């Protein structure tokens, strides 16, 4: 069992930056692929960024070059550094831990990009 607590959301102006954090419980954090998803109002949840247990990363095309996912296995944490934020990045962001067939979710943190 893994419990995830995601945080770091807030209101930011276009062009600004935020850093999301996700703290995990459990002793096998390093084995999990960690993901950040987002869900905008009225839209389906989409995968934003992935970091595998080996440290490989992958990004949604619309955030490439602006967002960076990282993990610290010693702290059982994953981060999403978001730069050059745009209004279309506004959404609830969810941390996800996946080790097939297991998948765990945080409760989400709201990011609002608005002037």
N, C-alpha and C. Protein backbone atom coordinates (compact mmCIF):
# COMPACT_ATOMS: atom_id res chain seq x y z
N UNK A 1 0.84 -1.20 0.00
CA UNK A 1 0.00 0.00 0.00
C UNK A 1 0.88 1.25 0.00
N UNK A 2 0.53 2.19 -0.86
CA UNK A 2 1.24 3.46 -0.95
C UNK A 2 0.24 4.59 -0.77
N UNK A 3 0.56 5.53 0.08
CA UNK A 3 -0.25 6.73 0.23
C UNK A 3 0.53 7.92 -0.32
N UNK A 4 -0.15 8.75 -1.07
CA UNK A 4 0.49 9.89 -1.73
C UNK A 4 -0.16 11.18 -1.26
N UNK A 5 0.68 12.16 -0.95
CA UNK A 5 0.19 13.49 -0.58
C UNK A 5 0.82 14.49 -1.53
N UNK A 6 -0.01 15.04 -2.41
CA UNK A 6 0.51 16.01 -3.36
C UNK A 6 0.20 17.43 -2.88
N UNK A 7 1.12 18.34 -3.21
CA UNK A 7 1.00 19.72 -2.73
C UNK A 7 1.75 20.66 -3.67
N UNK A 8 1.60 21.96 -3.41
CA UNK A 8 2.37 22.95 -4.14
C UNK A 8 1.58 23.76 -5.15
N UNK A 9 0.32 23.43 -5.32
CA UNK A 9 -0.49 24.19 -6.26
C UNK A 9 -0.81 25.59 -5.75
N UNK A 10 -1.38 26.39 -6.62
CA UNK A 10 -1.75 27.74 -6.24
C UNK A 10 -2.09 28.58 -7.45
N UNK A 11 -2.21 29.87 -7.21
CA UNK A 11 -2.50 30.83 -8.27
C UNK A 11 -1.21 31.48 -8.74
N UNK A 12 -0.99 31.46 -10.04
CA UNK A 12 0.23 32.05 -10.58
C UNK A 12 -0.13 32.78 -11.88
N UNK A 13 0.61 33.84 -12.16
CA UNK A 13 0.38 34.59 -13.39
C UNK A 13 0.98 33.85 -14.59
N UNK A 14 0.45 34.09 -15.77
CA UNK A 14 1.06 33.51 -16.97
C UNK A 14 2.54 33.86 -17.05
N UNK A 15 3.33 32.85 -17.41
CA UNK A 15 4.78 33.03 -17.46
C UNK A 15 5.47 32.69 -16.16
N UNK A 16 4.70 32.47 -15.12
CA UNK A 16 5.28 32.16 -13.82
C UNK A 16 5.63 30.70 -13.65
N UNK A 17 6.08 30.36 -12.45
CA UNK A 17 6.54 29.01 -12.14
C UNK A 17 5.91 28.50 -10.86
N UNK A 18 5.76 27.19 -10.80
CA UNK A 18 5.34 26.50 -9.58
C UNK A 18 6.09 25.18 -9.51
N UNK A 19 6.26 24.68 -8.30
CA UNK A 19 6.86 23.37 -8.10
C UNK A 19 5.90 22.51 -7.29
N UNK A 20 5.42 21.46 -7.89
CA UNK A 20 4.55 20.52 -7.20
C UNK A 20 5.39 19.44 -6.54
N UNK A 21 4.93 18.99 -5.38
CA UNK A 21 5.60 17.92 -4.66
C UNK A 21 4.61 16.80 -4.35
N UNK A 22 5.13 15.59 -4.27
CA UNK A 22 4.32 14.44 -3.91
C UNK A 22 5.14 13.59 -2.96
N UNK A 23 4.65 13.44 -1.74
CA UNK A 23 5.33 12.64 -0.73
C UNK A 23 4.63 11.30 -0.60
N UNK A 24 5.41 10.23 -0.61
CA UNK A 24 4.85 8.88 -0.58
C UNK A 24 5.22 8.16 0.70
N UNK A 25 4.33 7.28 1.12
CA UNK A 25 4.62 6.37 2.21
C UNK A 25 4.95 5.01 1.61
N UNK A 26 5.43 4.09 2.43
CA UNK A 26 5.71 2.75 1.92
C UNK A 26 7.19 2.53 1.69
N UNK A 27 7.58 1.28 1.71
CA UNK A 27 9.01 0.96 1.68
C UNK A 27 9.53 0.65 0.28
N UNK A 28 8.66 0.61 -0.72
CA UNK A 28 9.09 0.20 -2.05
C UNK A 28 8.95 1.32 -3.07
N UNK A 29 9.02 2.56 -2.59
CA UNK A 29 8.82 3.72 -3.47
C UNK A 29 9.71 3.66 -4.70
N UNK A 30 10.95 3.26 -4.53
CA UNK A 30 11.91 3.29 -5.63
C UNK A 30 11.53 2.36 -6.78
N UNK A 31 10.66 1.40 -6.53
CA UNK A 31 10.26 0.46 -7.57
C UNK A 31 9.15 1.00 -8.47
N UNK A 32 8.48 2.05 -8.01
CA UNK A 32 7.32 2.55 -8.72
C UNK A 32 7.70 3.54 -9.82
N UNK A 33 7.00 3.46 -10.93
CA UNK A 33 7.00 4.56 -11.87
C UNK A 33 6.09 5.63 -11.29
N UNK A 34 6.53 6.87 -11.37
CA UNK A 34 5.76 7.98 -10.80
C UNK A 34 5.28 8.89 -11.92
N UNK A 35 4.05 9.30 -11.80
CA UNK A 35 3.42 10.09 -12.85
C UNK A 35 2.74 11.32 -12.26
N UNK A 36 2.65 12.35 -13.07
CA UNK A 36 1.78 13.49 -12.78
C UNK A 36 0.73 13.53 -13.88
N UNK A 37 -0.52 13.54 -13.46
CA UNK A 37 -1.65 13.72 -14.35
C UNK A 37 -2.29 15.07 -14.04
N UNK A 38 -3.12 15.54 -14.95
CA UNK A 38 -3.92 16.73 -14.67
C UNK A 38 -5.30 16.58 -15.29
N UNK A 39 -6.23 17.28 -14.67
CA UNK A 39 -7.59 17.29 -15.18
C UNK A 39 -8.15 18.69 -15.10
N UNK A 40 -8.38 19.26 -16.26
CA UNK A 40 -9.01 20.58 -16.33
C UNK A 40 -10.52 20.42 -16.25
N UNK A 41 -11.18 21.49 -15.85
CA UNK A 41 -12.63 21.45 -15.70
C UNK A 41 -13.30 21.05 -17.02
N UNK A 42 -14.14 20.03 -16.96
CA UNK A 42 -14.86 19.58 -18.13
C UNK A 42 -14.07 18.74 -19.10
N UNK A 43 -12.84 18.39 -18.73
CA UNK A 43 -11.99 17.61 -19.63
C UNK A 43 -11.56 16.31 -18.97
N UNK A 44 -11.06 15.39 -19.79
CA UNK A 44 -10.57 14.13 -19.27
C UNK A 44 -9.20 14.31 -18.62
N UNK A 45 -8.91 13.44 -17.69
CA UNK A 45 -7.59 13.45 -17.07
C UNK A 45 -6.55 13.05 -18.10
N UNK A 46 -5.41 13.75 -18.10
CA UNK A 46 -4.34 13.44 -19.05
C UNK A 46 -3.00 13.29 -18.34
N UNK A 47 -2.17 12.44 -18.91
CA UNK A 47 -0.85 12.19 -18.36
C UNK A 47 0.08 13.33 -18.78
N UNK A 48 0.69 13.96 -17.80
CA UNK A 48 1.56 15.11 -18.06
C UNK A 48 3.02 14.70 -18.12
N UNK A 49 3.46 13.88 -17.16
CA UNK A 49 4.87 13.53 -17.09
C UNK A 49 5.04 12.21 -16.33
N UNK A 50 6.06 11.47 -16.73
CA UNK A 50 6.39 10.17 -16.12
C UNK A 50 7.87 10.11 -15.82
N UNK A 51 8.20 9.51 -14.68
CA UNK A 51 9.58 9.15 -14.41
C UNK A 51 9.59 7.70 -13.93
N UNK A 52 10.38 6.88 -14.61
CA UNK A 52 10.41 5.45 -14.28
C UNK A 52 11.28 5.20 -13.05
N UNK A 53 11.27 3.96 -12.60
CA UNK A 53 12.13 3.60 -11.46
C UNK A 53 13.59 3.80 -11.81
N UNK A 54 13.91 3.71 -13.09
CA UNK A 54 15.29 3.90 -13.52
C UNK A 54 15.66 5.34 -13.83
N UNK A 55 14.67 6.24 -13.74
CA UNK A 55 14.94 7.65 -13.94
C UNK A 55 14.64 8.18 -15.34
N UNK A 56 14.15 7.34 -16.22
CA UNK A 56 13.77 7.83 -17.55
C UNK A 56 12.51 8.68 -17.45
N UNK A 57 12.43 9.70 -18.29
CA UNK A 57 11.31 10.62 -18.22
C UNK A 57 10.59 10.72 -19.57
N UNK A 58 9.34 11.10 -19.48
CA UNK A 58 8.55 11.32 -20.68
C UNK A 58 7.53 12.41 -20.38
N UNK A 59 7.18 13.20 -21.41
CA UNK A 59 6.31 14.36 -21.19
C UNK A 59 5.23 14.46 -22.25
N UNK A 60 4.12 15.04 -21.85
CA UNK A 60 3.09 15.46 -22.78
C UNK A 60 3.70 16.50 -23.71
N UNK A 61 3.38 16.43 -24.99
CA UNK A 61 4.01 17.33 -25.95
C UNK A 61 3.85 18.80 -25.57
N UNK A 62 2.69 19.16 -25.06
CA UNK A 62 2.42 20.58 -24.79
C UNK A 62 3.21 21.14 -23.61
N UNK A 63 3.86 20.27 -22.83
CA UNK A 63 4.64 20.76 -21.68
C UNK A 63 6.13 20.55 -21.85
N UNK A 64 6.52 19.89 -22.94
CA UNK A 64 7.95 19.64 -23.17
C UNK A 64 8.71 20.95 -23.22
N UNK A 65 9.85 20.98 -22.52
CA UNK A 65 10.66 22.18 -22.47
C UNK A 65 10.24 23.16 -21.39
N UNK A 66 9.06 22.94 -20.79
CA UNK A 66 8.59 23.83 -19.74
C UNK A 66 8.49 23.13 -18.38
N UNK A 67 8.14 21.87 -18.39
CA UNK A 67 7.97 21.11 -17.15
C UNK A 67 9.12 20.11 -17.00
N UNK A 68 9.51 19.85 -15.75
CA UNK A 68 10.53 18.85 -15.45
C UNK A 68 10.08 18.00 -14.28
N UNK A 69 10.06 16.69 -14.49
CA UNK A 69 9.73 15.76 -13.41
C UNK A 69 11.02 15.20 -12.84
N UNK A 70 11.05 15.03 -11.52
CA UNK A 70 12.22 14.47 -10.87
C UNK A 70 11.76 13.68 -9.65
N UNK A 71 12.64 12.85 -9.14
CA UNK A 71 12.32 12.06 -7.96
C UNK A 71 13.51 12.00 -7.03
N UNK A 72 13.22 11.83 -5.75
CA UNK A 72 14.24 11.65 -4.73
C UNK A 72 13.82 10.41 -3.95
N UNK A 73 14.42 9.29 -4.26
CA UNK A 73 14.00 8.03 -3.62
C UNK A 73 14.30 8.02 -2.12
N UNK A 74 15.35 8.70 -1.71
CA UNK A 74 15.67 8.76 -0.28
C UNK A 74 14.57 9.48 0.50
N UNK A 75 13.96 10.48 -0.15
CA UNK A 75 12.89 11.24 0.50
C UNK A 75 11.51 10.70 0.11
N UNK A 76 11.48 9.65 -0.73
CA UNK A 76 10.22 9.09 -1.21
C UNK A 76 9.32 10.17 -1.77
N UNK A 77 9.90 10.97 -2.64
CA UNK A 77 9.18 12.11 -3.18
C UNK A 77 9.39 12.24 -4.68
N UNK A 78 8.39 12.83 -5.32
CA UNK A 78 8.50 13.17 -6.73
C UNK A 78 8.06 14.62 -6.89
N UNK A 79 8.64 15.29 -7.86
CA UNK A 79 8.41 16.72 -8.04
C UNK A 79 8.05 17.01 -9.50
N UNK A 80 7.34 18.11 -9.68
CA UNK A 80 7.07 18.61 -11.02
C UNK A 80 7.36 20.11 -11.02
N UNK A 81 8.47 20.47 -11.63
CA UNK A 81 8.82 21.88 -11.79
C UNK A 81 8.14 22.39 -13.04
N UNK A 82 7.32 23.41 -12.88
CA UNK A 82 6.55 23.94 -14.00
C UNK A 82 6.95 25.39 -14.24
N UNK A 83 7.50 25.65 -15.40
CA UNK A 83 7.94 27.00 -15.78
C UNK A 83 7.12 27.49 -16.96
N UNK A 84 7.19 28.78 -17.20
CA UNK A 84 6.49 29.40 -18.34
C UNK A 84 5.04 28.94 -18.40
N UNK A 85 4.39 29.01 -17.28
CA UNK A 85 3.02 28.51 -17.20
C UNK A 85 2.07 29.32 -18.07
N UNK A 86 1.10 28.61 -18.61
CA UNK A 86 0.11 29.21 -19.50
C UNK A 86 -1.29 28.98 -18.90
N UNK A 87 -2.25 29.82 -19.27
CA UNK A 87 -3.61 29.62 -18.75
C UNK A 87 -4.15 28.21 -19.03
N UNK A 88 -3.73 27.62 -20.14
CA UNK A 88 -4.22 26.27 -20.47
C UNK A 88 -3.60 25.19 -19.59
N UNK A 89 -2.65 25.55 -18.75
CA UNK A 89 -2.12 24.60 -17.76
C UNK A 89 -2.99 24.53 -16.52
N UNK A 90 -3.99 25.38 -16.43
CA UNK A 90 -4.89 25.37 -15.28
C UNK A 90 -5.61 24.04 -15.17
N UNK A 91 -5.48 23.41 -14.00
CA UNK A 91 -6.07 22.09 -13.79
C UNK A 91 -5.79 21.64 -12.36
N UNK A 92 -6.45 20.56 -11.98
CA UNK A 92 -6.05 19.85 -10.77
C UNK A 92 -4.99 18.84 -11.19
N UNK A 93 -3.86 18.87 -10.51
CA UNK A 93 -2.74 17.98 -10.80
C UNK A 93 -2.70 16.85 -9.77
N UNK A 94 -2.57 15.63 -10.27
CA UNK A 94 -2.59 14.44 -9.42
C UNK A 94 -1.27 13.67 -9.55
N UNK A 95 -0.76 13.27 -8.41
CA UNK A 95 0.39 12.38 -8.36
C UNK A 95 -0.12 10.94 -8.45
N UNK A 96 0.61 10.10 -9.17
CA UNK A 96 0.24 8.69 -9.33
C UNK A 96 1.48 7.83 -9.22
N UNK A 97 1.34 6.74 -8.48
CA UNK A 97 2.40 5.74 -8.36
C UNK A 97 1.91 4.45 -9.00
N UNK A 98 2.70 3.90 -9.89
CA UNK A 98 2.25 2.72 -10.63
C UNK A 98 3.31 1.64 -10.65
N UNK A 99 2.88 0.46 -10.23
CA UNK A 99 3.69 -0.76 -10.35
C UNK A 99 2.68 -1.84 -10.65
N UNK A 100 2.53 -2.11 -11.93
CA UNK A 100 1.47 -2.99 -12.41
C UNK A 100 1.38 -4.26 -11.59
N UNK A 101 0.19 -4.64 -11.10
CA UNK A 101 -1.11 -4.05 -11.38
C UNK A 101 -1.55 -2.97 -10.42
N UNK A 102 -0.67 -2.53 -9.54
CA UNK A 102 -1.04 -1.56 -8.51
C UNK A 102 -0.90 -0.13 -9.04
N UNK A 103 -1.84 0.70 -8.60
CA UNK A 103 -1.82 2.11 -8.97
C UNK A 103 -2.45 2.91 -7.85
N UNK A 104 -1.74 3.93 -7.41
CA UNK A 104 -2.20 4.74 -6.29
C UNK A 104 -2.21 6.21 -6.69
N UNK A 105 -3.15 6.97 -6.06
CA UNK A 105 -3.36 8.36 -6.44
C UNK A 105 -3.31 9.28 -5.23
N UNK A 106 -2.78 10.46 -5.45
CA UNK A 106 -2.94 11.53 -4.49
C UNK A 106 -4.30 12.18 -4.67
N UNK A 107 -4.63 13.10 -3.78
CA UNK A 107 -5.94 13.75 -3.83
C UNK A 107 -5.98 14.93 -4.79
N UNK A 108 -4.82 15.36 -5.23
CA UNK A 108 -4.77 16.43 -6.21
C UNK A 108 -4.47 17.78 -5.60
N UNK A 109 -3.86 18.63 -6.41
CA UNK A 109 -3.56 20.00 -6.00
C UNK A 109 -3.90 20.92 -7.17
N UNK A 110 -4.60 22.01 -6.88
CA UNK A 110 -5.13 22.88 -7.93
C UNK A 110 -4.08 23.90 -8.35
N UNK A 111 -3.86 23.96 -9.65
CA UNK A 111 -3.00 24.98 -10.25
C UNK A 111 -3.87 25.89 -11.11
N UNK A 112 -3.82 27.18 -10.82
CA UNK A 112 -4.58 28.16 -11.58
C UNK A 112 -3.62 29.18 -12.17
N UNK A 113 -3.63 29.29 -13.48
CA UNK A 113 -2.76 30.25 -14.17
C UNK A 113 -3.64 31.35 -14.74
N UNK A 114 -3.53 32.51 -14.13
CA UNK A 114 -4.42 33.61 -14.51
C UNK A 114 -3.81 34.94 -14.10
N UNK A 115 -4.10 35.95 -14.90
CA UNK A 115 -3.65 37.29 -14.54
C UNK A 115 -4.74 38.04 -13.77
